[in-house]
Amino acid sequence: MTTFTRAMPRVTRAAALLAGLFAAAVSAQQVAQSQTPHRDLPKPEMEYQAGGSPLANEPIHANPNANAPKMTEAEFVKGRQIYFERCAGCHGVLRKGATGKPLTPDITLARGTEILKTFINYGSPAGMPNWGTSGELSAADVDLMARYIQQEPPTPPEWSMGDMKKTWRVIVSPDQRPKKKMNAFNIENLFSVTLRDTGEVALIDGDTKKIINIVKTGYAVHISRTSASGRYLYVIGRDAKINLIDLWMEKPDNVAEIRIGLEARSVETSKNKKYSDVYAVAGAYWPPQYVIMKGDTLEPLKVESTRGTTVDTQEYHPEPRVASIVATHDKPEFIINVKETGKILVVDYTDIKNLKTTEIAAARFLHDGGWDASKRYFLVAANQSNKVAVVDSKETKLAALVDVGTIPHPGRGANFVHPKFGPVWATGHLGDETIALIGTDPKKHPKSAWKVVQSLKAQGGGNLFIKTHPKSANLWVDTPLNPDPKIAQSIAVFDIKNLDKPFAVLPIGEWAQLGEGAKRITQPEYNRAGDEVWFSVWSAKNQESAIVIVDDKTRKLKTVIKDARLITPTGKFNVYNTQHDVY
């Protein structure tokens, strides 16, 4: 049996870059026109999972399958590109299955090419997208993919400590950095804004609304996290590249960088006072592992695999991806959420050479989450399980598994005091229009604790982020994946003091006064004072985008930030709110 290794041609990189968090390759019009019902996996979830993977551009070893239909090397390379751009998010890198079914040759060969073509072309009621009839794939592409998934899955390379060190670069050493803040910016009110399709973040002064700097980063920065001191900003791209930005510099910029794998989503920094800025941690989608680094240089210190058995069937899983990571404030611990196994790892980093890890069994497909208002309980969505897992960080154990709506996607969630049920934490959903309010105060409101005390109905069609602020009476809910452009270009806002009142709709996209483009509204984020809400108005790379700022009290337009450099703005992270986990 012969083998071949081929890097993805560079000309395909643009195609991979256009796919991403919201799967821009699938237009709202195409979603609306789709004729295939999907009962188990709603359209927004399919769009969300179908984003392109940086693995499409990596050299990958492959073994042609002698029993599979014939493919040329060029066909195989193209099939691999399509798979990683469209399919890997659901079916997994190794095709062992994730939120989607396994597509290994022992299954696909038995189905045969014609049956597989039918599934790819028309989709299925269980959630398979109708790639052919939607126009996403041509008839030739459908035939190609039916043959491709009968081949042995190509295996991406591992990424060792040695590989990390080859990419590690200290641009400005700690002893050469400022001893005090050298700029006049109010860095507590600085925003780190992801410019996803240019591989950059925009640092914006929240007071003046001016861009301070455009910083080169990895592709499609997923999150920005602030160090405990508020000095350093850590950003990680989907390509697993981490950039460390020093906010004390006269012009904040990169001081160190590293690549911790081939695909990733999460980075965090030590928040315990004793370990302020001492460590950073990042988790990879591929290879399935996390790494602990020095906080001020990103030097890799410890690599830990997350491969292991699932919490339900107790079966070995070869690629459990690291989803969200948070740091506890009162203990020297990281909480690391492993997606496919459903395990939550509480890692005591007191002694890096002798890590103490507590494994908490939760539910499969852990994704994103945030702290309750007390910062004792961490709530994380097990999205395909339709549950929210509650971790008691003080007792280091699972406090509850809460049944919620279809495919919860809270981001960090939203904390506020319910007029009747006391403190609650809220999440929206990719799969329905509901907002679940979960009671979070077992001492003073025990009857409400760890259950959905109220379910609100918003616009639906794919909520990604929900937000409020301790000083606000508003709850903001986006729906950027809704197939109706009018809805995707708007925001829903609830009155926290009167939740029985219908939500109001604000035309954020219209307020931006842009030309053509999708103008999706996503990720509300508050300023330091809690009196402004910032929204990304996100269009394609070749179209104008903007940031719209709304007065939180009046719900009126305050200002619009437009700049030719604001290309595909998506996530926004206020330094102070991120530093202190305010949401």
Protein backbone atom coordinates (compact mmCIF):
# COMPACT_ATOMS: atom_id res chain seq x y z
CA MET A 1 0.00 0.00 0.00
CA THR A 2 1.44 3.34 -0.99
CA THR A 3 1.31 6.51 1.00
CA PHE A 4 1.42 10.16 0.11
CA THR A 5 1.72 13.40 2.02
CA ARG A 6 0.55 16.63 0.46
CA ALA A 7 0.22 20.17 1.82
CA MET A 8 -2.91 22.03 0.87
CA PRO A 9 -2.16 24.37 -2.03
CA ARG A 10 -1.89 27.97 -0.92
CA VAL A 11 -4.59 29.04 -3.36
CA THR A 12 -7.12 27.24 -1.19
CA ARG A 13 -6.20 29.25 1.90
CA ALA A 14 -8.60 32.04 0.96
CA ALA A 15 -11.46 29.60 0.81
CA ALA A 16 -10.58 28.27 4.24
CA LEU A 17 -10.37 31.77 5.65
CA LEU A 18 -13.84 32.65 4.44
CA ALA A 19 -15.32 29.76 6.39
CA GLY A 20 -15.40 30.18 10.12
CA LEU A 21 -17.24 30.80 13.33
CA PHE A 22 -20.52 31.58 11.68
CA ALA A 23 -19.83 29.58 8.48
CA ALA A 24 -19.99 32.56 6.20
CA ALA A 25 -19.95 30.26 3.22
CA VAL A 26 -23.60 29.45 3.89
CA SER A 27 -25.62 32.55 3.12
CA ALA A 28 -28.83 33.43 4.88
CA GLN A 29 -30.64 33.13 1.57
CA GLN A 30 -29.40 29.57 1.09
CA VAL A 31 -30.43 28.62 4.58
CA ALA A 32 -33.89 30.03 4.01
CA GLN A 33 -34.26 28.18 0.70
CA SER A 34 -33.18 24.80 2.00
CA GLN A 35 -35.86 22.16 1.57
CA THR A 36 -34.42 19.48 3.81
CA PRO A 37 -35.80 19.33 7.36
CA HIS A 38 -33.32 18.87 10.19
CA ARG A 39 -35.03 17.88 13.38
CA ASP A 40 -32.07 16.91 15.54
CA LEU A 41 -29.50 19.44 14.37
CA PRO A 42 -31.03 22.81 13.57
CA LYS A 43 -29.68 24.95 10.76
CA PRO A 44 -27.85 27.42 13.04
CA GLU A 45 -25.99 24.55 14.69
CA MET A 46 -24.98 23.14 11.31
CA GLU A 47 -23.73 26.54 10.23
CA TYR A 48 -21.85 26.98 13.46
CA GLN A 49 -20.15 23.57 13.25
CA ALA A 50 -19.43 23.80 9.52
CA GLY A 51 -16.79 26.51 9.87
CA GLY A 52 -13.45 25.94 8.22
CA SER A 53 -10.62 24.25 10.07
CA PRO A 54 -7.01 25.43 9.82
CA LEU A 55 -6.14 21.75 9.34
CA ALA A 56 -7.18 22.18 5.70
CA ASN A 57 -3.83 23.89 5.18
CA GLU A 58 -1.60 21.41 7.01
CA PRO A 59 0.50 18.58 5.58
CA ILE A 60 -1.38 15.40 6.38
CA HIS A 61 -0.37 11.77 5.98
CA ALA A 62 -2.86 9.58 4.18
CA ASN A 63 -3.20 5.87 3.29
CA PRO A 64 -5.29 5.22 0.19
CA ASN A 65 -7.82 2.48 0.75
CA ALA A 66 -7.52 -0.35 -1.77
CA ASN A 67 -11.18 -1.28 -1.26
CA ALA A 68 -12.46 2.25 -1.78
CA PRO A 69 -13.40 3.80 -5.12
CA LYS A 70 -10.43 5.12 -7.06
CA MET A 71 -9.26 8.67 -6.46
CA THR A 72 -6.43 10.63 -7.96
CA GLU A 73 -4.06 12.41 -5.62
CA ALA A 74 -5.53 15.75 -6.75
CA GLU A 75 -9.06 14.51 -5.99
CA PHE A 76 -7.98 13.34 -2.56
CA VAL A 77 -6.43 16.72 -1.76
CA LYS A 78 -9.61 18.51 -2.83
CA GLY A 79 -11.77 16.11 -0.83
CA ARG A 80 -9.65 16.71 2.22
CA GLN A 81 -10.02 20.47 1.79
CA ILE A 82 -13.81 20.23 1.55
CA TYR A 83 -13.97 17.87 4.52
CA PHE A 84 -12.02 20.14 6.85
CA GLU A 85 -13.86 23.24 5.69
CA ARG A 86 -17.36 21.76 5.90
CA CYS A 87 -17.48 18.49 7.79
CA ALA A 88 -14.81 18.11 10.48
CA GLY A 89 -16.63 20.31 12.99
CA CYS A 90 -19.44 17.74 13.24
CA HIS A 91 -17.77 14.44 12.29
CA GLY A 92 -14.32 14.96 13.82
CA VAL A 93 -10.80 15.20 12.44
CA LEU A 94 -10.42 11.40 12.36
CA ARG A 95 -14.06 10.90 11.25
CA LYS A 96 -14.78 9.00 14.49
CA GLY A 97 -17.84 11.17 15.12
CA ALA A 98 -18.47 14.17 17.36
CA THR A 99 -21.80 15.96 17.22
CA GLY A 100 -22.24 14.16 13.89
CA LYS A 101 -22.10 10.42 13.17
CA PRO A 102 -18.86 8.49 12.51
CA LEU A 103 -17.74 8.36 8.88
CA THR A 104 -15.05 5.70 9.06
CA PRO A 105 -14.53 3.24 6.15
CA ASP A 106 -16.05 0.32 8.04
CA ILE A 107 -19.31 2.26 7.87
CA THR A 108 -19.03 4.17 4.61
CA LEU A 109 -17.79 1.27 2.45
CA ALA A 110 -20.86 -0.73 3.42
CA ARG A 111 -23.12 2.14 2.36
CA GLY A 112 -21.57 2.48 -1.07
CA THR A 113 -21.03 5.52 -3.27
CA GLU A 114 -24.59 6.02 -4.52
CA ILE A 115 -26.20 5.96 -1.07
CA LEU A 116 -23.54 8.29 0.29
CA LYS A 117 -24.13 10.67 -2.63
CA THR A 118 -27.82 10.75 -1.73
CA PHE A 119 -27.08 11.67 1.89
CA ILE A 120 -24.59 14.37 0.92
CA ASN A 121 -26.86 15.78 -1.77
CA TYR A 122 -30.19 15.79 0.09
CA GLY A 123 -29.17 15.68 3.74
CA SER A 124 -31.08 13.75 6.37
CA PRO A 125 -33.73 14.39 9.03
CA ALA A 126 -31.11 13.62 11.70
CA GLY A 127 -29.19 16.76 10.83
CA MET A 128 -27.01 16.12 7.80
CA PRO A 129 -26.91 19.31 5.70
CA ASN A 130 -28.18 19.12 2.13
CA TRP A 131 -24.88 20.15 0.61
CA GLY A 132 -25.93 19.41 -2.96
CA THR A 133 -29.47 20.76 -3.23
CA SER A 134 -28.53 23.88 -1.28
CA GLY A 135 -25.96 24.73 -3.94
CA GLU A 136 -23.00 24.49 -1.58
CA LEU A 137 -21.45 21.58 -3.44
CA SER A 138 -21.65 20.81 -7.15
CA ALA A 139 -22.70 17.40 -8.43
CA ALA A 140 -19.02 16.65 -9.11
CA ASP A 141 -18.11 17.67 -5.55
CA VAL A 142 -20.87 15.46 -4.12
CA ASP A 143 -19.52 12.50 -6.07
CA LEU A 144 -15.98 13.36 -4.96
CA MET A 145 -16.95 13.48 -1.28
CA ALA A 146 -18.88 10.21 -1.49
CA ARG A 147 -15.68 8.56 -2.69
CA TYR A 148 -13.43 10.49 -0.29
CA ILE A 149 -15.18 9.38 2.93
CA GLN A 150 -14.67 5.75 1.90
CA GLN A 151 -10.91 6.29 2.05
CA GLU A 152 -8.93 5.97 5.26
CA PRO A 153 -9.10 9.25 7.18
CA PRO A 154 -5.89 11.26 6.76
CA THR A 155 -4.13 11.80 10.06
CA PRO A 156 -2.86 15.26 11.00
CA PRO A 157 0.54 15.35 12.69
CA GLU A 158 0.87 15.50 16.44
CA TRP A 159 2.29 18.68 18.00
CA SER A 160 4.90 18.09 20.66
CA MET A 161 6.76 20.28 23.11
CA GLY A 162 9.57 20.40 20.55
CA ASP A 163 7.18 21.59 17.85
CA MET A 164 5.89 24.32 20.17
CA LYS A 165 9.38 25.53 21.01
CA LYS A 166 10.20 25.86 17.30
CA THR A 167 7.37 28.43 17.00
CA TRP A 168 7.99 30.17 20.32
CA ARG A 169 9.32 33.68 19.97
CA VAL A 170 9.96 36.35 22.60
CA ILE A 171 9.80 39.65 20.72
CA VAL A 172 10.49 41.86 23.72
CA SER A 173 12.01 40.17 26.75
CA PRO A 174 10.52 40.94 30.18
CA ASP A 175 13.61 42.87 31.28
CA GLN A 176 13.26 45.16 28.24
CA ARG A 177 9.59 45.93 28.81
CA PRO A 178 8.27 49.04 30.59
CA LYS A 179 8.52 49.12 34.38
CA LYS A 180 5.32 51.18 34.50
CA LYS A 181 2.48 52.06 32.15
CA MET A 182 3.97 54.25 29.41
CA ASN A 183 0.77 55.45 27.76
CA ALA A 184 -2.15 57.67 28.71
CA PHE A 185 -4.81 55.17 27.71
CA ASN A 186 -7.42 54.04 30.18
CA ILE A 187 -6.53 50.40 29.61
CA GLU A 188 -9.31 49.21 31.94
CA ASN A 189 -11.71 50.47 29.27
CA LEU A 190 -9.74 49.18 26.29
CA PHE A 191 -11.44 46.73 23.92
CA SER A 192 -9.75 43.88 22.07
CA VAL A 193 -11.78 43.36 18.88
CA THR A 194 -11.30 40.28 16.71
CA LEU A 195 -10.84 41.04 13.01
CA ARG A 196 -11.40 37.43 12.14
CA ASP A 197 -10.61 37.22 8.42
CA THR A 198 -7.42 39.31 8.53
CA GLY A 199 -5.69 37.54 11.41
CA GLU A 200 -5.63 40.64 13.62
CA VAL A 201 -7.15 42.27 16.66
CA ALA A 202 -8.02 45.95 16.89
CA LEU A 203 -7.21 47.59 20.22
CA ILE A 204 -9.82 50.32 20.66
CA ASP A 205 -9.85 53.04 23.32
CA GLY A 206 -13.25 52.73 24.96
CA ASP A 207 -13.17 56.38 26.07
CA THR A 208 -12.24 58.06 22.78
CA LYS A 209 -13.53 55.29 20.47
CA LYS A 210 -10.24 55.52 18.52
CA ILE A 211 -8.16 52.58 17.30
CA ILE A 212 -4.92 52.42 19.29
CA ASN A 213 -3.28 49.69 17.24
CA ILE A 214 -3.99 46.85 14.83
CA VAL A 215 -2.04 43.86 16.12
CA LYS A 216 -1.09 40.88 13.96
CA THR A 217 -2.30 37.59 15.43
CA GLY A 218 -3.24 34.08 14.42
CA TYR A 219 -6.16 33.42 12.10
CA ALA A 220 -9.65 34.15 13.42
CA VAL A 221 -8.92 34.99 17.06
CA HIS A 222 -11.49 33.13 19.13
CA ILE A 223 -11.07 34.88 22.47
CA SER A 224 -9.01 37.53 24.22
CA ARG A 225 -8.20 37.08 27.90
CA THR A 226 -6.72 39.63 30.31
CA SER A 227 -4.09 38.76 32.91
CA ALA A 228 -4.86 39.10 36.61
CA SER A 229 -2.81 42.31 36.79
CA GLY A 230 -4.60 43.82 33.81
CA ARG A 231 -1.27 44.36 32.06
CA TYR A 232 -1.19 41.52 29.54
CA LEU A 233 -3.65 40.47 26.88
CA TYR A 234 -3.63 36.88 25.61
CA VAL A 235 -5.31 36.13 22.28
CA ILE A 236 -5.59 32.78 20.50
CA GLY A 237 -6.50 32.09 16.88
CA ARG A 238 -8.24 29.07 15.43
CA ASP A 239 -4.81 28.10 14.06
CA ALA A 240 -3.61 27.67 17.69
CA LYS A 241 -1.32 30.67 17.59
CA ILE A 242 -1.17 32.67 20.84
CA ASN A 243 -0.07 36.29 20.96
CA LEU A 244 0.90 38.07 24.17
CA ILE A 245 0.24 41.83 24.05
CA ASP A 246 1.73 44.22 26.61
CA LEU A 247 -0.78 46.98 27.36
CA TRP A 248 1.83 49.05 29.27
CA MET A 249 3.79 49.83 26.12
CA GLU A 250 3.56 53.31 24.64
CA LYS A 251 1.75 51.60 21.78
CA PRO A 252 0.47 48.22 22.99
CA ASP A 253 1.77 45.40 20.79
CA ASN A 254 3.03 41.82 20.67
CA VAL A 255 5.83 40.85 23.04
CA ALA A 256 5.70 37.05 22.60
CA GLU A 257 4.02 34.38 20.51
CA ILE A 258 3.74 30.60 20.19
CA ARG A 259 1.73 27.97 18.34
CA ILE A 260 0.46 25.27 20.70
CA GLY A 261 -1.07 22.95 18.10
CA LEU A 262 -2.78 22.99 14.72
CA GLU A 263 -6.25 24.11 15.77
CA ALA A 264 -7.46 25.66 19.02
CA ARG A 265 -10.09 27.84 20.70
CA SER A 266 -9.13 28.59 24.30
CA VAL A 267 -6.54 30.44 26.37
CA GLU A 268 -6.55 31.60 29.98
CA THR A 269 -4.19 33.09 32.55
CA SER A 270 -3.65 32.42 36.24
CA LYS A 271 -6.06 34.59 38.25
CA ASN A 272 -5.09 33.68 41.81
CA LYS A 273 -3.34 36.66 43.46
CA LYS A 274 -0.31 34.62 44.46
CA TYR A 275 0.15 33.56 40.84
CA SER A 276 -0.83 36.79 39.08
CA ASP A 277 0.58 36.69 35.52
CA VAL A 278 2.74 33.66 36.40
CA TYR A 279 1.10 31.10 34.11
CA ALA A 280 -1.02 30.87 31.00
CA VAL A 281 -2.83 27.80 29.72
CA ALA A 282 -4.20 26.98 26.28
CA GLY A 283 -6.20 24.06 24.95
CA ALA A 284 -6.11 22.59 21.46
CA TYR A 285 -8.72 21.08 19.18
CA TRP A 286 -5.88 19.23 17.47
CA PRO A 287 -3.95 17.55 18.88
CA PRO A 288 -6.30 16.96 21.83
CA GLN A 289 -4.20 18.41 24.64
CA TYR A 290 -3.52 21.47 26.74
CA VAL A 291 -0.28 23.25 27.58
CA ILE A 292 0.77 25.38 30.56
CA MET A 293 3.16 28.23 29.75
CA LYS A 294 5.02 31.02 31.51
CA GLY A 295 2.66 33.93 31.76
CA ASP A 296 5.10 36.67 30.72
CA THR A 297 6.91 34.86 27.87
CA LEU A 298 4.64 31.97 26.71
CA GLU A 299 7.50 29.53 27.19
CA PRO A 300 5.84 26.06 27.18
CA LEU A 301 6.32 24.17 30.44
CA LYS A 302 3.89 21.26 30.53
CA VAL A 303 1.83 19.40 27.89
CA GLU A 304 -1.06 17.16 28.91
CA SER A 305 -3.16 14.95 26.62
CA THR A 306 -6.97 14.87 26.95
CA ARG A 307 -7.47 11.56 25.14
CA GLY A 308 -9.53 9.13 27.17
CA THR A 309 -12.95 7.58 27.79
CA THR A 310 -16.33 9.24 27.51
CA VAL A 311 -18.46 9.84 30.62
CA ASP A 312 -21.52 8.02 29.26
CA THR A 313 -20.49 4.90 27.34
CA GLN A 314 -16.99 4.71 28.87
CA GLU A 315 -15.50 4.23 25.42
CA TYR A 316 -12.11 5.51 24.35
CA HIS A 317 -12.22 8.69 22.28
CA PRO A 318 -9.15 9.55 20.16
CA GLU A 319 -9.72 13.31 19.73
CA PRO A 320 -11.56 14.98 22.62
CA ARG A 321 -11.15 18.69 21.95
CA VAL A 322 -10.43 21.25 24.65
CA ALA A 323 -13.25 23.77 24.67
CA SER A 324 -13.46 26.57 27.24
CA ILE A 325 -10.94 27.19 30.03
CA VAL A 326 -11.45 29.43 33.07
CA ALA A 327 -9.27 30.21 36.06
CA THR A 328 -10.52 30.31 39.62
CA HIS A 329 -9.82 33.51 41.51
CA ASP A 330 -9.53 32.07 45.02
CA LYS A 331 -7.46 28.98 44.19
CA PRO A 332 -4.46 28.26 41.93
CA GLU A 333 -6.60 26.20 39.56
CA PHE A 334 -7.65 26.03 35.93
CA ILE A 335 -11.00 24.51 34.94
CA ILE A 336 -10.55 22.79 31.58
CA ASN A 337 -13.56 21.51 29.68
CA VAL A 338 -13.05 18.53 27.37
CA LYS A 339 -15.71 18.51 24.70
CA GLU A 340 -16.19 14.96 23.43
CA THR A 341 -15.53 13.04 26.65
CA GLY A 342 -17.73 15.30 28.75
CA LYS A 343 -15.06 15.59 31.45
CA ILE A 344 -14.22 18.74 33.38
CA LEU A 345 -10.60 18.83 34.57
CA VAL A 346 -9.79 20.94 37.62
CA VAL A 347 -6.01 21.42 37.42
CA ASP A 348 -4.08 22.63 40.46
CA TYR A 349 -1.02 24.40 39.01
CA THR A 350 0.80 24.95 42.34
CA ASP A 351 3.47 22.47 41.27
CA ILE A 352 3.82 22.29 37.50
CA LYS A 353 6.02 19.18 37.67
CA ASN A 354 3.45 17.38 39.79
CA LEU A 355 0.04 18.54 38.58
CA LYS A 356 -2.93 17.64 40.71
CA THR A 357 -5.96 17.06 38.53
CA THR A 358 -9.49 16.35 39.66
CA GLU A 359 -11.67 14.80 36.97
CA ILE A 360 -15.35 15.67 37.13
CA ALA A 361 -17.80 13.64 35.06
CA ALA A 362 -20.39 15.97 33.53
CA ALA A 363 -22.01 15.43 30.12
CA ARG A 364 -20.69 15.15 26.58
CA PHE A 365 -19.95 17.99 24.22
CA LEU A 366 -18.87 20.57 26.75
CA HIS A 367 -18.46 23.92 25.07
CA ASP A 368 -18.54 27.40 26.62
CA GLY A 369 -19.60 28.83 29.94
CA GLY A 370 -19.00 31.31 32.72
CA TRP A 371 -19.10 32.02 36.46
CA ASP A 372 -22.13 32.81 38.53
CA ALA A 373 -22.14 36.19 40.28
CA SER A 374 -20.41 34.79 43.39
CA LYS A 375 -17.63 33.22 41.25
CA ARG A 376 -17.97 30.02 43.22
CA TYR A 377 -19.95 28.11 40.60
CA PHE A 378 -18.87 27.62 37.00
CA LEU A 379 -21.67 26.84 34.54
CA VAL A 380 -20.73 25.25 31.21
CA ALA A 381 -22.93 24.17 28.32
CA ALA A 382 -22.89 20.52 27.30
CA ASN A 383 -24.44 21.65 24.07
CA GLN A 384 -25.45 18.46 22.27
CA SER A 385 -26.61 16.99 25.57
CA ASN A 386 -28.94 19.98 26.03
CA LYS A 387 -27.63 20.47 29.54
CA VAL A 388 -25.65 22.95 31.61
CA ALA A 389 -23.12 21.46 34.01
CA VAL A 390 -22.55 23.30 37.30
CA VAL A 391 -19.15 22.96 38.97
CA ASP A 392 -18.72 23.90 42.61
CA SER A 393 -15.17 25.27 42.55
CA LYS A 394 -15.00 25.46 46.37
CA GLU A 395 -15.82 21.77 46.83
CA THR A 396 -14.29 20.71 43.48
CA LYS A 397 -17.28 18.64 42.45
CA LEU A 398 -20.30 18.62 40.18
CA ALA A 399 -23.15 20.51 41.81
CA ALA A 400 -25.79 19.77 39.17
CA LEU A 401 -26.66 18.94 35.59
CA VAL A 402 -29.45 21.25 34.48
CA ASP A 403 -31.74 20.39 31.56
CA VAL A 404 -32.12 23.40 29.27
CA GLY A 405 -33.21 24.08 25.69
CA THR A 406 -31.78 22.83 22.41
CA ILE A 407 -28.01 23.29 22.10
CA PRO A 408 -27.17 25.91 24.71
CA HIS A 409 -24.52 28.45 23.67
CA PRO A 410 -24.03 30.95 26.49
CA GLY A 411 -20.66 32.47 25.66
CA ARG A 412 -19.90 33.50 29.24
CA GLY A 413 -23.60 33.77 30.05
CA ALA A 414 -25.29 36.61 31.92
CA ASN A 415 -25.78 37.14 35.66
CA PHE A 416 -28.54 39.20 37.24
CA VAL A 417 -31.00 39.18 40.12
CA HIS A 418 -34.43 37.88 39.15
CA PRO A 419 -37.32 39.80 40.76
CA LYS A 420 -38.81 36.55 42.07
CA PHE A 421 -36.13 33.83 42.06
CA GLY A 422 -33.04 35.74 43.16
CA PRO A 423 -29.63 35.43 41.44
CA VAL A 424 -29.77 33.68 38.07
CA TRP A 425 -27.41 32.89 35.21
CA ALA A 426 -28.76 32.94 31.68
CA THR A 427 -27.97 31.13 28.45
CA GLY A 428 -29.39 31.30 24.96
CA HIS A 429 -29.54 28.42 22.46
CA LEU A 430 -28.50 27.64 18.92
CA GLY A 431 -31.43 25.30 18.44
CA ASP A 432 -34.44 27.24 19.68
CA GLU A 433 -35.62 30.73 20.60
CA THR A 434 -35.52 30.30 24.38
CA ILE A 435 -33.39 31.96 27.01
CA ALA A 436 -32.96 29.71 30.06
CA LEU A 437 -32.67 31.44 33.45
CA ILE A 438 -30.99 29.13 35.99
CA GLY A 439 -31.13 29.84 39.73
CA THR A 440 -27.63 30.10 41.26
CA ASP A 441 -28.15 30.75 44.96
CA PRO A 442 -28.52 27.47 46.89
CA LYS A 443 -28.24 29.20 50.30
CA LYS A 444 -30.86 31.95 50.15
CA HIS A 445 -32.98 30.56 47.29
CA PRO A 446 -32.62 26.76 47.61
CA LYS A 447 -35.90 25.98 45.83
CA SER A 448 -34.68 27.85 42.75
CA ALA A 449 -31.11 26.58 42.73
CA TRP A 450 -29.83 24.59 39.74
CA LYS A 451 -33.06 24.55 37.78
CA VAL A 452 -34.53 26.64 34.98
CA VAL A 453 -36.76 29.04 36.90
CA GLN A 454 -38.00 30.87 33.81
CA SER A 455 -37.70 30.46 30.07
CA LEU A 456 -37.89 33.59 27.93
CA LYS A 457 -38.59 33.60 24.20
CA ALA A 458 -36.36 35.75 21.99
CA GLN A 459 -36.04 36.02 18.21
CA GLY A 460 -34.51 32.55 17.75
CA GLY A 461 -32.73 31.09 14.79
CA GLY A 462 -29.29 30.92 16.36
CA ASN A 463 -28.31 32.91 19.43
CA LEU A 464 -24.56 33.03 20.07
CA PHE A 465 -24.11 35.57 22.86
CA ILE A 466 -26.13 36.98 25.72
CA LYS A 467 -25.03 39.83 27.95
CA THR A 468 -25.91 42.07 30.88
CA HIS A 469 -23.96 44.01 33.52
CA PRO A 470 -24.30 44.43 37.31
CA LYS A 471 -25.26 48.08 36.76
CA SER A 472 -27.73 47.36 33.95
CA ALA A 473 -31.45 46.61 33.81
CA ASN A 474 -31.12 45.17 30.30
CA LEU A 475 -30.51 41.69 28.94
CA TRP A 476 -29.16 41.72 25.36
CA VAL A 477 -29.57 38.73 23.02
CA ASP A 478 -28.09 38.41 19.52
CA THR A 479 -29.28 36.10 16.68
CA PRO A 480 -26.63 36.39 13.93
CA LEU A 481 -27.43 32.96 12.48
CA ASN A 482 -31.14 33.65 11.88
CA PRO A 483 -31.92 33.13 8.15
CA ASP A 484 -34.01 36.32 8.06
CA PRO A 485 -31.56 39.19 7.37
CA LYS A 486 -33.78 41.67 9.22
CA ILE A 487 -33.56 39.58 12.39
CA ALA A 488 -29.85 38.77 11.99
CA GLN A 489 -29.22 42.52 11.69
CA SER A 490 -31.05 43.34 14.91
CA ILE A 491 -30.76 42.75 18.65
CA ALA A 492 -33.37 41.73 21.20
CA VAL A 493 -33.34 43.38 24.63
CA PHE A 494 -35.31 42.37 27.73
CA ASP A 495 -36.17 44.46 30.78
CA ILE A 496 -34.69 42.50 33.72
CA LYS A 497 -37.06 44.17 36.18
CA ASN A 498 -40.11 43.12 34.16
CA LEU A 499 -39.35 39.89 32.33
CA ASP A 500 -43.00 39.30 31.46
CA LYS A 501 -42.77 42.32 29.20
CA PRO A 502 -42.08 41.49 25.51
CA PHE A 503 -38.55 42.09 24.32
CA ALA A 504 -37.73 45.19 22.30
CA VAL A 505 -35.94 44.96 18.96
CA LEU A 506 -33.25 47.47 18.04
CA PRO A 507 -32.18 47.80 14.37
CA ILE A 508 -28.44 47.82 15.02
CA GLY A 509 -27.55 47.03 11.40
CA GLU A 510 -29.69 49.93 10.17
CA TRP A 511 -28.09 52.28 12.69
CA ALA A 512 -24.65 51.41 11.33
CA GLN A 513 -25.60 52.97 7.97
CA LEU A 514 -23.49 50.63 5.89
CA GLY A 515 -23.82 49.60 2.26
CA GLU A 516 -24.28 46.06 1.02
CA GLY A 517 -23.39 43.13 3.20
CA ALA A 518 -24.74 40.60 5.67
CA LYS A 519 -24.44 43.08 8.58
CA ARG A 520 -24.85 40.30 11.17
CA ILE A 521 -25.07 41.64 14.71
CA THR A 522 -23.06 39.71 17.23
CA GLN A 523 -21.57 39.66 20.70
CA PRO A 524 -22.81 42.49 22.89
CA GLU A 525 -20.05 43.69 25.24
CA TYR A 526 -20.17 46.33 27.98
CA ASN A 527 -17.67 49.05 28.67
CA ARG A 528 -15.93 49.36 32.04
CA ALA A 529 -18.63 51.66 33.51
CA GLY A 530 -21.50 49.45 32.40
CA ASP A 531 -23.36 52.29 30.64
CA GLU A 532 -22.50 51.37 27.02
CA VAL A 533 -23.08 48.23 24.99
CA TRP A 534 -20.89 47.55 21.95
CA PHE A 535 -22.13 45.45 19.01
CA SER A 536 -20.23 44.09 16.04
CA VAL A 537 -21.89 44.71 12.69
CA TRP A 538 -20.16 41.98 10.73
CA SER A 539 -20.09 41.67 6.97
CA ALA A 540 -17.78 39.88 4.55
CA LYS A 541 -14.11 40.66 4.15
CA ASN A 542 -14.71 42.76 1.03
CA GLN A 543 -17.62 44.71 2.55
CA GLU A 544 -17.83 47.48 5.11
CA SER A 545 -18.36 46.54 8.75
CA ALA A 546 -18.67 48.65 11.88
CA ILE A 547 -19.10 48.71 15.65
CA VAL A 548 -22.31 50.23 16.98
CA ILE A 549 -22.38 51.60 20.53
CA VAL A 550 -25.71 51.90 22.35
CA ASP A 551 -26.52 53.84 25.51
CA ASP A 552 -27.54 51.09 27.94
CA LYS A 553 -29.99 53.24 29.90
CA THR A 554 -31.86 54.87 27.01
CA ARG A 555 -31.31 52.09 24.44
CA LYS A 556 -30.53 54.83 21.93
CA LEU A 557 -27.70 54.95 19.42
CA LYS A 558 -24.66 56.62 20.92
CA THR A 559 -22.01 56.33 18.21
CA VAL A 560 -20.78 54.23 15.31
CA ILE A 561 -17.13 53.31 14.83
CA LYS A 562 -16.18 53.01 11.18
CA ASP A 563 -12.70 52.43 9.88
CA ALA A 564 -11.33 50.74 6.78
CA ARG A 565 -9.20 48.59 9.07
CA LEU A 566 -12.27 47.14 10.87
CA ILE A 567 -12.53 44.09 8.62
CA THR A 568 -14.92 41.36 9.76
CA PRO A 569 -15.11 42.44 13.43
CA THR A 570 -16.69 39.74 15.60
CA GLY A 571 -15.75 39.13 19.26
CA LYS A 572 -15.04 42.08 21.55
CA PHE A 573 -13.47 41.85 24.98
CA ASN A 574 -13.32 44.73 27.45
CA VAL A 575 -10.09 44.53 29.46
CA TYR A 576 -11.62 45.16 32.90
CA ASN A 577 -14.66 42.95 32.40
CA THR A 578 -12.50 40.13 31.08
CA GLN A 579 -9.96 40.54 33.87
CA HIS A 580 -12.65 40.32 36.57
CA ASP A 581 -15.11 37.98 34.81
CA VAL A 582 -17.89 40.56 34.77
CA TYR A 583 -20.91 39.37 32.79
